[in-house]
Amino acid sequence: MSLLTFVKKIFQSRVLLAALIAMLFCEATNADFIKAIKDRSAVRLRSLSSKRVLTETDERNRSQSDADHRPHRDNNGKQYPTKEWNNIPMPSKSYFAGFSEPTNTSKWEIAKVQASKGDQILLRKILTDLVTMDDLFSVDKGFRWIHKIADAHYSKNSGYFKGLESLVLHDQKHSQNESSPVSNRAPIILLGKRFFPRPNYKGYPESWETLNPHEVLSLSQKGKPYRFPRKVVAIGLFDENWGWLSTYFLNRTVTWGMSFGQYGGMDPKDSRFRYGHDLMNDFLEDENLLMLVVNSHHNFTHPKVISAPLGLQHHKVPILWKAMKKAADLNIKKDPDMLLNMKGSNYAFRPAIRECILPRMNSRTEHSLNGTNNHKRLKGVKQTGIEENVSLHQYIYKNIASYASLCMPGLGADTYRLWETLASGTLAVLERGFGLDRTLYRLPVLLVDDYSDLTPFMIRQAYIEALYRVDQWEFKRMSKGYWMDLIHNVSQTNSFMPLMDAHPISVVDTGFTRPLIPFSCGKNVERGPSGYRQKAVQST
């Protein structure tokens, strides 16, 4: 036997002996020992349970009474400034047209906590209302959808409204299938048309023909305005930056000439200038015109006129939708350092608007400023510089992580940025009075009289109210199907009441006027009351 084997056997023998002694000892005391352990454990468990119940009760009471003042942190450990949110009271007047002021204190407290934590409340509601990527309102530069929904296209070259009176309609929704029953609904007509290289409006449009307001007005005979021979729903030809009724808004849009005739195309400060509203009033009052659908900005407050959304750029929709789903699934929070996202190009008057807003904001804002932001360089409309290169993915996630986003005008007042912001579950901020007020009804958009009015307090209060009303937002209005249904319902009923019910004229402040003086960051701003929302100011 080797020495190593001998040592192992001795060790094993000692272990076995120790185990035998322990078993004999435990046999005598096992019952008393186990009983004592059970008694002591029961007392300890009762004590711990009592303390835990007291602690949880106290915590709940403290949370309810104090509205959770403790600082919140996101997944990266970033702290949320709860005091800045918890001190926000309910507004005495709603920030959103068509609503009365908030009155439910408990609901307001919940919205404040949600805002403070950066929860994606609006984004989750959007993904409930818009189930698939196809529900998002995406457009192409040819605006094929308005060509497809129209029963007939009219232009100056095709003889104006030749054949309209005898046009035969069929009852199949959004279609002119000749096998469907003949219908008595009002025809949907397109004023102007684009020519596409392939059937079913496929391919990039090669050319177009117009039927603009000036050409329609030329149909008047002996001072009597033109009247449609039957009830119609009219759609003005869409453009990415300019609509059928678009007019020049001083210091906000491009200075393209208006299409309302000789005097309608002048500078609004010219003494001979006539407003499009005056020139087009008889046309709009035609009882056979049920609805006029245009796009982009306009200066008309009329029950029959509605501006359809510009929507989202078609190629961006898959990327945006994926980011929306990811942010909701991973619970990506709002960034406490991104109260107002001002990123974007430095086109035209955008730098001046940013410089106006910036002193009123604290450090919690994201913006892009560079050396080209000089007010003196803004005479005329030209490109004055672009921000640092940011990928599309970065831009989208910045928008999703922001509480609010500034949607400044470019060539026109309606922008892709507006609809990207809404799809991102972020509060959109833009100025009222550009013809979009009714379009944005029941969507969380903060409409301000002037960008100079913006403050951090206003943004927080409006954002909390947006969460407070989360169940009242109708994000289906951001879908193309909603707008096609609205147009078809007016056609089917031979009445403009479906439009009035869905987009009441009461949400428009008809006494508000856009200033017609040089942009001065809130100084010397001329506002209503006025019969029109834009009135000439004969001064510099």
Protein backbone atom coordinates (compact mmCIF):
# COMPACT_ATOMS: atom_id res chain seq x y z
CA MET A 1 0.00 0.00 0.00
CA SER A 2 1.41 3.33 -0.99
CA LEU A 3 1.68 6.26 1.41
CA LEU A 4 -0.91 8.26 -0.55
CA THR A 5 -3.51 5.45 -0.36
CA PHE A 6 -2.93 5.08 3.41
CA VAL A 7 -3.51 8.79 4.04
CA LYS A 8 -6.77 8.72 2.02
CA LYS A 9 -8.16 5.79 4.06
CA ILE A 10 -7.40 7.53 7.38
CA PHE A 11 -9.11 10.71 6.17
CA GLN A 12 -12.19 8.78 5.02
CA SER A 13 -12.41 6.97 8.37
CA ARG A 14 -12.31 10.24 10.33
CA VAL A 15 -15.04 11.73 8.15
CA LEU A 16 -17.27 8.72 8.63
CA LEU A 17 -16.71 8.77 12.40
CA ALA A 18 -17.59 12.47 12.64
CA ALA A 19 -20.76 11.91 10.66
CA LEU A 20 -21.80 9.02 12.94
CA ILE A 21 -21.34 11.11 16.10
CA ALA A 22 -23.36 13.97 14.61
CA MET A 23 -26.25 11.66 13.68
CA LEU A 24 -26.39 10.20 17.23
CA PHE A 25 -26.44 13.69 18.75
CA CYS A 26 -29.10 15.01 16.38
CA GLU A 27 -31.32 11.99 17.00
CA ALA A 28 -31.72 12.99 20.62
CA THR A 29 -32.35 16.66 19.97
CA ASN A 30 -33.87 16.62 16.48
CA ALA A 31 -37.48 17.08 17.51
CA ASP A 32 -36.80 19.97 19.92
CA PHE A 33 -34.38 21.61 17.46
CA ILE A 34 -36.80 21.57 14.53
CA LYS A 35 -39.65 22.83 16.73
CA ALA A 36 -37.55 25.76 17.96
CA ILE A 37 -36.50 26.70 14.43
CA LYS A 38 -40.11 26.64 13.22
CA ASP A 39 -41.29 28.81 16.11
CA ARG A 40 -38.56 31.40 15.62
CA SER A 41 -39.11 31.45 11.83
CA ALA A 42 -42.83 32.01 12.24
CA VAL A 43 -42.25 34.98 14.54
CA ARG A 44 -39.65 36.42 12.17
CA LEU A 45 -41.89 35.96 9.12
CA ARG A 46 -44.82 37.65 10.85
CA SER A 47 -42.58 40.57 11.79
CA LEU A 48 -41.20 40.94 8.25
CA SER A 49 -44.64 40.64 6.70
CA SER A 50 -46.02 43.34 8.97
CA LYS A 51 -43.15 45.70 8.14
CA ARG A 52 -43.54 45.01 4.43
CA VAL A 53 -47.26 45.78 4.48
CA LEU A 54 -46.65 49.02 6.34
CA THR A 55 -43.87 50.00 3.96
CA GLU A 56 -45.96 49.35 0.82
CA THR A 57 -48.95 51.20 2.26
CA ASP A 58 -46.80 54.19 3.19
CA GLU A 59 -45.21 54.14 -0.25
CA ARG A 60 -48.57 54.13 -1.99
CA ASN A 61 -49.85 56.98 0.15
CA ARG A 62 -46.69 58.96 -0.41
CA SER A 63 -46.88 58.37 -4.15
CA GLN A 64 -50.53 59.45 -4.35
CA SER A 65 -50.14 62.56 -2.23
CA ASP A 66 -46.82 63.70 -3.65
CA ALA A 67 -47.41 62.77 -7.34
CA ASP A 68 -44.08 60.95 -7.38
CA HIS A 69 -41.59 63.81 -6.89
CA ARG A 70 -38.63 61.47 -6.84
CA PRO A 71 -36.35 61.86 -9.85
CA HIS A 72 -36.92 59.34 -12.66
CA ARG A 73 -34.14 57.82 -14.68
CA ASP A 74 -34.23 56.21 -18.10
CA ASN A 75 -32.47 52.99 -19.12
CA ASN A 76 -29.21 54.92 -19.47
CA GLY A 77 -29.47 56.44 -16.01
CA LYS A 78 -30.43 59.91 -17.25
CA GLN A 79 -32.43 61.79 -14.63
CA TYR A 80 -35.79 63.38 -15.47
CA PRO A 81 -36.51 66.85 -14.00
CA THR A 82 -39.78 65.98 -12.27
CA LYS A 83 -40.14 69.32 -10.47
CA GLU A 84 -40.34 71.16 -13.78
CA TRP A 85 -43.29 68.97 -14.72
CA ASN A 86 -44.99 68.57 -11.35
CA ASN A 87 -45.34 72.33 -10.90
CA ILE A 88 -47.42 72.70 -14.08
CA PRO A 89 -51.09 73.52 -13.30
CA MET A 90 -54.10 72.80 -15.49
CA PRO A 91 -54.65 75.57 -18.07
CA SER A 92 -57.71 77.79 -17.77
CA LYS A 93 -58.28 77.31 -21.51
CA SER A 94 -57.46 74.30 -23.68
CA TYR A 95 -54.49 74.58 -26.01
CA PHE A 96 -56.39 72.53 -28.59
CA ALA A 97 -59.37 73.83 -30.58
CA GLY A 98 -62.68 72.11 -29.98
CA PHE A 99 -61.98 71.15 -26.36
CA SER A 100 -63.01 72.75 -23.09
CA GLU A 101 -60.43 73.34 -20.38
CA PRO A 102 -59.16 70.29 -18.41
CA THR A 103 -61.05 69.73 -15.13
CA ASN A 104 -60.12 66.23 -13.91
CA THR A 105 -57.39 66.76 -11.30
CA SER A 106 -56.52 63.08 -10.88
CA LYS A 107 -56.20 62.59 -14.61
CA TRP A 108 -53.98 65.67 -14.85
CA GLU A 109 -51.70 64.32 -12.10
CA ILE A 110 -51.33 61.03 -13.96
CA ALA A 111 -50.46 62.89 -17.18
CA LYS A 112 -47.81 64.92 -15.32
CA VAL A 113 -46.13 61.77 -14.00
CA GLN A 114 -46.22 60.21 -17.47
CA ALA A 115 -44.67 63.32 -18.98
CA SER A 116 -42.02 63.45 -16.28
CA LYS A 117 -41.06 59.82 -16.86
CA GLY A 118 -40.91 60.33 -20.63
CA ASP A 119 -43.37 57.53 -21.37
CA GLN A 120 -44.33 57.17 -25.04
CA ILE A 121 -48.06 57.58 -24.42
CA LEU A 122 -48.93 59.28 -27.72
CA LEU A 123 -46.83 56.87 -29.78
CA ARG A 124 -48.64 53.86 -28.31
CA LYS A 125 -52.00 55.46 -29.13
CA ILE A 126 -50.85 56.03 -32.72
CA LEU A 127 -49.89 52.37 -33.07
CA THR A 128 -53.35 51.44 -31.80
CA ASP A 129 -55.14 53.65 -34.33
CA LEU A 130 -52.79 52.93 -37.25
CA VAL A 131 -52.31 49.17 -37.35
CA THR A 132 -50.04 48.76 -40.36
CA MET A 133 -47.42 50.79 -42.19
CA ASP A 134 -49.89 51.27 -45.06
CA ASP A 135 -52.16 53.27 -42.74
CA LEU A 136 -49.69 56.15 -42.68
CA PHE A 137 -50.48 58.92 -45.18
CA SER A 138 -47.62 58.58 -47.66
CA VAL A 139 -47.46 60.53 -50.90
CA ASP A 140 -45.44 60.72 -54.05
CA LYS A 141 -44.68 63.91 -55.96
CA GLY A 142 -47.27 63.01 -58.57
CA PHE A 143 -50.03 62.79 -55.94
CA ARG A 144 -51.51 59.74 -57.65
CA TRP A 145 -54.21 59.31 -55.04
CA ILE A 146 -56.17 62.40 -56.09
CA HIS A 147 -56.02 61.26 -59.73
CA LYS A 148 -57.33 57.83 -58.78
CA ILE A 149 -60.23 59.05 -56.65
CA ALA A 150 -61.45 61.58 -59.24
CA ASP A 151 -64.28 60.60 -61.58
CA ALA A 152 -63.08 63.07 -64.23
CA HIS A 153 -60.11 65.40 -64.84
CA TYR A 154 -60.65 68.83 -66.34
CA SER A 155 -58.24 71.41 -67.70
CA LYS A 156 -58.23 74.50 -69.87
CA ASN A 157 -56.89 72.51 -72.83
CA SER A 158 -59.63 69.90 -72.52
CA GLY A 159 -62.37 72.50 -72.77
CA TYR A 160 -62.81 73.40 -69.12
CA PHE A 161 -65.84 71.47 -67.79
CA LYS A 162 -67.00 70.10 -71.12
CA GLY A 163 -69.03 66.90 -70.65
CA LEU A 164 -69.51 67.36 -66.89
CA GLU A 165 -73.31 67.65 -67.10
CA SER A 166 -73.68 64.31 -68.92
CA LEU A 167 -71.02 62.41 -66.94
CA VAL A 168 -72.32 58.96 -65.90
CA LEU A 169 -71.21 57.76 -62.46
CA HIS A 170 -71.12 54.31 -60.91
CA ASP A 171 -71.71 53.30 -57.34
CA GLN A 172 -68.52 51.42 -56.57
CA LYS A 173 -66.54 53.26 -53.91
CA HIS A 174 -63.41 55.09 -55.18
CA SER A 175 -63.84 53.46 -58.58
CA GLN A 176 -65.45 53.93 -61.95
CA ASN A 177 -66.11 50.26 -62.60
CA GLU A 178 -68.67 50.19 -65.40
CA SER A 179 -70.17 46.95 -64.09
CA SER A 180 -71.31 48.62 -60.85
CA PRO A 181 -74.75 50.29 -60.64
CA VAL A 182 -75.25 53.82 -61.92
CA SER A 183 -75.15 56.31 -59.05
CA ASN A 184 -76.73 59.68 -58.33
CA ARG A 185 -73.83 60.79 -56.18
CA ALA A 186 -71.99 64.04 -56.91
CA PRO A 187 -69.00 63.56 -59.26
CA ILE A 188 -65.51 64.06 -57.85
CA ILE A 189 -63.63 66.27 -60.32
CA LEU A 190 -59.94 67.19 -60.49
CA LEU A 191 -59.14 70.77 -61.51
CA GLY A 192 -56.07 70.22 -63.70
CA LYS A 193 -54.29 66.95 -64.33
CA ARG A 194 -50.90 65.28 -64.66
CA PHE A 195 -49.86 62.90 -67.40
CA PHE A 196 -48.18 59.65 -66.36
CA PRO A 197 -46.13 57.45 -68.72
CA ARG A 198 -47.91 54.19 -67.82
CA PRO A 199 -51.52 53.14 -67.17
CA ASN A 200 -53.06 53.48 -63.71
CA TYR A 201 -50.97 56.61 -63.10
CA LYS A 202 -47.70 54.75 -62.81
CA GLY A 203 -44.30 56.26 -63.35
CA TYR A 204 -43.07 59.79 -62.77
CA PRO A 205 -45.45 62.42 -64.24
CA GLU A 206 -44.14 63.82 -67.50
CA SER A 207 -46.30 66.92 -67.86
CA TRP A 208 -49.46 68.56 -66.61
CA GLU A 209 -52.34 70.77 -67.63
CA THR A 210 -53.81 73.48 -65.44
CA LEU A 211 -57.21 74.72 -64.49
CA ASN A 212 -56.25 77.31 -61.91
CA PRO A 213 -58.49 79.84 -60.12
CA HIS A 214 -57.74 82.58 -62.66
CA GLU A 215 -58.84 80.30 -65.50
CA VAL A 216 -62.01 79.32 -63.65
CA LEU A 217 -62.80 82.98 -63.01
CA SER A 218 -62.42 83.67 -66.72
CA LEU A 219 -65.57 81.58 -67.32
CA SER A 220 -67.68 84.40 -65.89
CA GLN A 221 -69.90 86.01 -68.49
CA LYS A 222 -71.26 89.55 -68.38
CA GLY A 223 -70.29 89.89 -64.73
CA LYS A 224 -72.11 86.69 -63.74
CA PRO A 225 -69.88 84.05 -62.07
CA TYR A 226 -69.64 80.55 -63.51
CA ARG A 227 -72.00 77.98 -61.96
CA PHE A 228 -71.50 74.22 -62.10
CA PRO A 229 -74.29 72.43 -63.99
CA ARG A 230 -74.64 69.82 -61.20
CA LYS A 231 -73.43 69.17 -57.68
CA VAL A 232 -69.70 68.40 -57.57
CA VAL A 233 -66.82 67.74 -55.19
CA ALA A 234 -63.80 69.57 -56.59
CA ILE A 235 -60.12 68.85 -55.92
CA GLY A 236 -57.52 71.44 -56.88
CA LEU A 237 -54.36 69.99 -58.41
CA PHE A 238 -51.80 69.32 -55.65
CA ASP A 239 -48.17 70.39 -55.53
CA GLU A 240 -45.53 69.55 -52.94
CA ASN A 241 -45.08 73.19 -51.92
CA TRP A 242 -48.05 75.10 -53.30
CA GLY A 243 -51.80 74.47 -53.33
CA TRP A 244 -54.63 75.45 -55.65
CA LEU A 245 -55.65 78.31 -53.32
CA SER A 246 -52.21 79.10 -51.91
CA THR A 247 -51.25 82.72 -51.34
CA TYR A 248 -48.05 84.44 -50.31
CA PHE A 249 -47.67 84.86 -46.55
CA LEU A 250 -45.16 87.59 -45.76
CA ASN A 251 -42.00 86.30 -44.05
CA ARG A 252 -43.28 82.72 -44.02
CA THR A 253 -43.73 81.27 -47.52
CA VAL A 254 -42.21 81.74 -50.96
CA THR A 255 -43.20 84.82 -52.94
CA TRP A 256 -44.56 82.93 -55.90
CA GLY A 257 -47.27 84.84 -57.76
CA MET A 258 -50.84 83.97 -56.91
CA SER A 259 -53.13 82.59 -59.56
CA PHE A 260 -56.15 84.82 -58.91
CA GLY A 261 -55.71 87.19 -61.83
CA GLN A 262 -53.82 90.41 -62.43
CA TYR A 263 -54.43 92.14 -59.10
CA GLY A 264 -54.55 88.95 -57.07
CA GLY A 265 -50.96 88.25 -58.05
CA MET A 266 -49.55 91.47 -56.67
CA ASP A 267 -47.73 92.14 -53.44
CA PRO A 268 -50.34 92.45 -50.64
CA LYS A 269 -49.01 95.94 -49.85
CA ASP A 270 -49.85 97.22 -53.33
CA SER A 271 -52.89 99.50 -53.20
CA ARG A 272 -54.45 97.68 -56.17
CA PHE A 273 -54.11 94.30 -54.52
CA ARG A 274 -57.27 92.20 -54.12
CA TYR A 275 -57.52 89.24 -51.83
CA GLY A 276 -58.19 85.84 -53.30
CA HIS A 277 -61.02 85.54 -50.79
CA ASP A 278 -62.77 88.48 -52.47
CA LEU A 279 -62.11 87.20 -55.96
CA MET A 280 -63.16 83.58 -55.27
CA ASN A 281 -66.14 84.22 -53.01
CA ASP A 282 -68.79 83.88 -55.74
CA PHE A 283 -67.19 80.64 -56.94
CA LEU A 284 -67.23 79.19 -53.44
CA GLU A 285 -70.82 80.28 -52.83
CA ASP A 286 -72.05 78.20 -55.78
CA GLU A 287 -74.64 75.88 -54.20
CA ASN A 288 -73.55 73.10 -56.58
CA LEU A 289 -70.00 73.17 -55.19
CA LEU A 290 -70.19 70.87 -52.16
CA MET A 291 -66.52 70.79 -51.20
CA LEU A 292 -63.21 72.13 -52.46
CA VAL A 293 -60.19 70.04 -51.45
CA VAL A 294 -56.83 71.79 -51.74
CA ASN A 295 -53.45 71.27 -50.13
CA SER A 296 -50.75 73.31 -48.44
CA HIS A 297 -51.38 76.82 -47.08
CA HIS A 298 -54.23 79.12 -48.03
CA ASN A 299 -55.97 82.21 -46.70
CA PHE A 300 -59.59 81.10 -46.95
CA THR A 301 -61.97 80.60 -44.06
CA HIS A 302 -64.90 78.94 -45.78
CA PRO A 303 -67.00 75.93 -44.73
CA LYS A 304 -66.45 74.19 -48.09
CA VAL A 305 -62.67 74.60 -48.24
CA ILE A 306 -60.39 72.04 -46.58
CA SER A 307 -56.67 71.43 -46.99
CA ALA A 308 -55.68 67.75 -47.23
CA PRO A 309 -52.39 66.73 -45.54
CA LEU A 310 -49.10 66.84 -47.38
CA GLY A 311 -48.34 63.56 -45.61
CA LEU A 312 -45.09 61.59 -45.47
CA GLN A 313 -42.52 61.00 -48.17
CA HIS A 314 -43.14 57.52 -49.51
CA HIS A 315 -39.53 56.30 -49.25
CA LYS A 316 -39.27 57.31 -45.58
CA VAL A 317 -42.36 55.46 -44.37
CA PRO A 318 -40.78 51.96 -43.86
CA ILE A 319 -37.90 53.46 -41.88
CA LEU A 320 -40.21 55.63 -39.79
CA TRP A 321 -42.64 52.79 -39.10
CA LYS A 322 -39.84 50.46 -37.98
CA ALA A 323 -38.52 53.15 -35.63
CA MET A 324 -42.01 53.78 -34.21
CA LYS A 325 -42.50 50.08 -33.45
CA LYS A 326 -39.02 49.72 -31.96
CA ALA A 327 -39.44 52.76 -29.71
CA ALA A 328 -42.76 51.44 -28.40
CA ASP A 329 -41.57 47.83 -27.95
CA LEU A 330 -38.33 48.80 -26.18
CA ASN A 331 -39.99 51.60 -24.21
CA ILE A 332 -37.52 54.19 -25.45
CA LYS A 333 -38.18 57.26 -23.30
CA LYS A 334 -38.48 60.91 -24.18
CA ASP A 335 -35.15 62.65 -23.65
CA PRO A 336 -35.34 65.21 -20.81
CA ASP A 337 -32.80 67.32 -22.71
CA MET A 338 -35.05 67.48 -25.77
CA LEU A 339 -38.02 69.59 -24.75
CA LEU A 340 -38.18 71.27 -28.16
CA ASN A 341 -36.51 69.84 -31.25
CA MET A 342 -35.55 72.67 -33.62
CA LYS A 343 -33.25 70.70 -35.91
CA GLY A 344 -33.67 71.30 -39.60
CA SER A 345 -32.34 73.26 -42.51
CA ASN A 346 -31.59 76.99 -42.36
CA TYR A 347 -33.88 77.71 -45.27
CA ALA A 348 -35.21 81.26 -45.67
CA PHE A 349 -36.72 82.57 -42.43
CA ARG A 350 -36.03 79.50 -40.30
CA PRO A 351 -32.82 80.89 -38.73
CA ALA A 352 -34.64 84.09 -37.72
CA ILE A 353 -37.42 82.05 -36.12
CA ARG A 354 -34.90 79.94 -34.20
CA GLU A 355 -33.00 82.97 -32.97
CA CYS A 356 -36.28 84.47 -31.82
CA ILE A 357 -37.29 81.38 -29.85
CA LEU A 358 -33.91 80.44 -28.40
CA PRO A 359 -33.59 83.18 -25.72
CA ARG A 360 -36.98 82.13 -24.31
CA MET A 361 -35.87 78.52 -23.94
CA ASN A 362 -33.53 76.96 -21.43
CA SER A 363 -30.81 74.42 -22.18
CA ARG A 364 -33.38 71.72 -22.86
CA THR A 365 -33.72 72.33 -26.55
CA GLU A 366 -32.06 70.89 -29.60
CA HIS A 367 -31.29 73.22 -32.45
CA SER A 368 -28.96 73.85 -35.35
CA LEU A 369 -27.41 77.27 -35.68
CA ASN A 370 -24.47 78.29 -37.81
CA GLY A 371 -22.74 81.35 -39.17
CA THR A 372 -25.30 81.92 -41.91
CA ASN A 373 -28.04 82.87 -39.47
CA ASN A 374 -28.08 86.56 -40.23
CA HIS A 375 -31.40 88.35 -40.53
CA LYS A 376 -29.96 90.67 -43.19
CA ARG A 377 -29.30 87.71 -45.45
CA LEU A 378 -32.96 86.72 -45.50
CA LYS A 379 -34.07 89.19 -48.15
CA GLY A 380 -35.82 87.05 -50.73
CA VAL A 381 -36.05 83.31 -50.48
CA LYS A 382 -32.86 81.39 -50.93
CA GLN A 383 -30.93 78.60 -49.32
CA THR A 384 -28.84 79.98 -46.48
CA GLY A 385 -27.20 76.82 -45.23
CA ILE A 386 -27.87 73.28 -44.06
CA GLU A 387 -27.18 71.81 -40.62
CA GLU A 388 -24.48 69.24 -40.04
CA ASN A 389 -25.12 65.92 -41.79
CA VAL A 390 -27.51 63.74 -39.80
CA SER A 391 -28.64 60.35 -41.02
CA LEU A 392 -32.32 59.69 -41.56
CA HIS A 393 -32.32 57.18 -38.71
CA GLN A 394 -30.75 59.70 -36.32
CA TYR A 395 -33.24 62.36 -37.34
CA ILE A 396 -36.22 60.04 -36.78
CA TYR A 397 -35.04 58.88 -33.35
CA LYS A 398 -34.30 62.47 -32.33
CA ASN A 399 -37.87 63.35 -33.18
CA ILE A 400 -39.28 60.35 -31.30
CA ALA A 401 -37.18 61.23 -28.24
CA SER A 402 -38.33 64.88 -28.25
CA TYR A 403 -41.32 66.17 -26.32
CA ALA A 404 -42.16 68.76 -28.99
CA SER A 405 -40.87 69.60 -32.43
CA LEU A 406 -40.87 72.91 -34.27
CA CYS A 407 -42.53 72.59 -37.69
CA MET A 408 -41.45 75.78 -39.45
CA PRO A 409 -42.60 76.65 -42.99
CA GLY A 410 -40.35 76.14 -45.99
CA LEU A 411 -41.61 76.88 -49.48
CA GLY A 412 -45.05 76.31 -48.02
CA ALA A 413 -46.59 76.13 -44.55
CA ASP A 414 -47.47 72.42 -44.64
CA THR A 415 -44.32 70.33 -44.30
CA TYR A 416 -43.23 66.71 -44.18
CA ARG A 417 -41.75 67.56 -40.77
CA LEU A 418 -45.27 68.16 -39.40
CA TRP A 419 -46.53 64.68 -40.29
CA GLU A 420 -43.26 62.99 -39.28
CA THR A 421 -43.58 64.66 -35.89
CA LEU A 422 -47.15 63.52 -35.37
CA ALA A 423 -46.27 59.96 -36.40
CA SER A 424 -43.40 60.02 -33.87
CA GLY A 425 -45.72 60.63 -30.92
CA THR A 426 -44.30 64.12 -30.48
CA LEU A 427 -46.19 67.38 -29.99
CA ALA A 428 -46.08 69.38 -33.23
CA VAL A 429 -45.65 73.16 -32.86
CA LEU A 430 -46.58 75.60 -35.62
CA GLU A 431 -48.37 78.89 -36.16
CA ARG A 432 -52.10 79.15 -36.71
CA GLY A 433 -53.79 80.94 -39.59
CA PHE A 434 -52.30 79.18 -42.63
CA GLY A 435 -55.42 77.24 -43.61
CA LEU A 436 -54.39 74.09 -41.71
CA ASP A 437 -56.35 74.67 -38.49
CA ARG A 438 -59.31 72.50 -39.56
CA THR A 439 -57.02 69.90 -41.12
CA LEU A 440 -55.29 69.35 -37.78
CA TYR A 441 -58.50 69.05 -35.75
CA ARG A 442 -58.34 66.16 -33.23
CA LEU A 443 -54.57 65.83 -33.60
CA PRO A 444 -52.05 66.91 -30.90
CA VAL A 445 -50.74 70.09 -32.52
CA LEU A 446 -49.87 73.22 -30.55
CA LEU A 447 -51.00 76.16 -32.71
CA VAL A 448 -49.50 79.44 -31.54
CA ASP A 449 -50.31 82.96 -32.71
CA ASP A 450 -46.63 83.65 -33.27
CA TYR A 451 -43.48 81.61 -32.68
CA SER A 452 -42.28 84.39 -30.36
CA ASP A 453 -44.99 83.33 -27.88
CA LEU A 454 -43.33 79.96 -27.19
CA THR A 455 -41.99 79.29 -23.69
CA PRO A 456 -40.87 76.11 -21.89
CA PHE A 457 -43.90 76.46 -19.59
CA MET A 458 -46.29 76.60 -22.57
CA ILE A 459 -44.73 73.53 -24.19
CA ARG A 460 -44.86 71.50 -20.98
CA GLN A 461 -48.42 72.51 -20.20
CA ALA A 462 -49.59 71.72 -23.74
CA TYR A 463 -47.74 68.39 -23.75
CA ILE A 464 -49.31 67.34 -20.46
CA GLU A 465 -52.73 68.25 -21.86
CA ALA A 466 -51.94 66.16 -24.95
CA LEU A 467 -51.36 63.14 -22.65
CA TYR A 468 -54.44 64.09 -20.61
CA ARG A 469 -56.50 63.79 -23.82
CA VAL A 470 -54.72 60.76 -25.25
CA ASP A 471 -57.99 58.83 -25.72
CA GLN A 472 -59.56 61.75 -27.58
CA TRP A 473 -56.98 62.01 -30.36
CA GLU A 474 -58.03 60.50 -33.69
CA PHE A 475 -54.80 59.45 -35.37
CA LYS A 476 -56.76 57.72 -38.14
CA ARG A 477 -57.04 61.21 -39.59
CA MET A 478 -53.38 60.75 -40.54
CA SER A 479 -54.29 57.97 -42.96
CA LYS A 480 -55.01 58.35 -46.66
CA GLY A 481 -58.08 56.16 -46.23
CA TYR A 482 -59.65 58.67 -43.86
CA TRP A 483 -59.41 61.49 -46.42
CA MET A 484 -60.61 59.33 -49.29
CA ASP A 485 -63.61 58.28 -47.19
CA LEU A 486 -64.36 61.90 -46.28
CA ILE A 487 -64.35 62.97 -49.94
CA HIS A 488 -66.48 60.02 -50.96
CA ASN A 489 -69.00 60.61 -48.14
CA VAL A 490 -69.58 64.18 -49.31
CA SER A 491 -70.01 62.86 -52.85
CA GLN A 492 -72.37 60.07 -51.76
CA THR A 493 -74.60 62.26 -49.60
CA ASN A 494 -74.66 65.20 -52.03
CA SER A 495 -74.04 67.38 -48.99
CA PHE A 496 -71.10 69.14 -47.34
CA MET A 497 -72.34 68.12 -43.86
CA PRO A 498 -69.92 65.16 -43.54
CA LEU A 499 -67.12 67.72 -43.93
CA MET A 500 -68.67 70.08 -41.36
CA ASP A 501 -69.17 67.25 -38.85
CA ALA A 502 -65.61 65.94 -39.17
CA HIS A 503 -63.87 69.35 -39.45
CA PRO A 504 -66.12 72.02 -37.92
CA ILE A 505 -65.51 75.58 -39.03
CA SER A 506 -65.81 76.62 -35.38
CA VAL A 507 -62.25 75.44 -34.67
CA VAL A 508 -60.91 78.28 -36.86
CA ASP A 509 -60.34 81.65 -35.20
CA THR A 510 -61.82 83.82 -37.94
CA GLY A 511 -60.79 87.00 -36.13
CA PHE A 512 -57.10 86.15 -36.24
CA THR A 513 -54.83 87.76 -38.83
CA ARG A 514 -51.30 86.88 -39.84
CA PRO A 515 -49.02 89.91 -39.60
CA LEU A 516 -48.10 91.62 -42.86
CA ILE A 517 -45.07 93.44 -41.53
CA PRO A 518 -41.41 92.33 -41.53
CA PHE A 519 -40.63 89.60 -39.00
CA SER A 520 -39.56 91.29 -35.76
CA CYS A 521 -39.68 88.47 -33.24
CA GLY A 522 -42.92 89.49 -31.59
CA LYS A 523 -42.38 93.24 -31.81
CA ASN A 524 -44.96 95.40 -33.56
CA VAL A 525 -47.01 92.36 -34.48
CA GLU A 526 -50.31 93.32 -36.08
CA ARG A 527 -53.17 90.93 -35.32
CA GLY A 528 -56.99 91.00 -35.90
CA PRO A 529 -59.79 91.30 -35.40
CA SER A 530 -60.68 91.16 -39.06
CA GLY A 531 -63.18 89.57 -41.39
CA TYR A 532 -60.22 87.86 -43.02
CA ARG A 533 -57.27 86.21 -41.32
CA GLN A 534 -54.86 88.30 -43.36
CA LYS A 535 -55.30 92.02 -43.86
CA ALA A 536 -52.97 94.41 -45.64
CA VAL A 537 -50.82 96.70 -43.52
CA GLN A 538 -49.69 99.75 -45.47
CA SER A 539 -46.47 100.25 -43.53
CA THR A 540 -42.95 98.96 -43.42
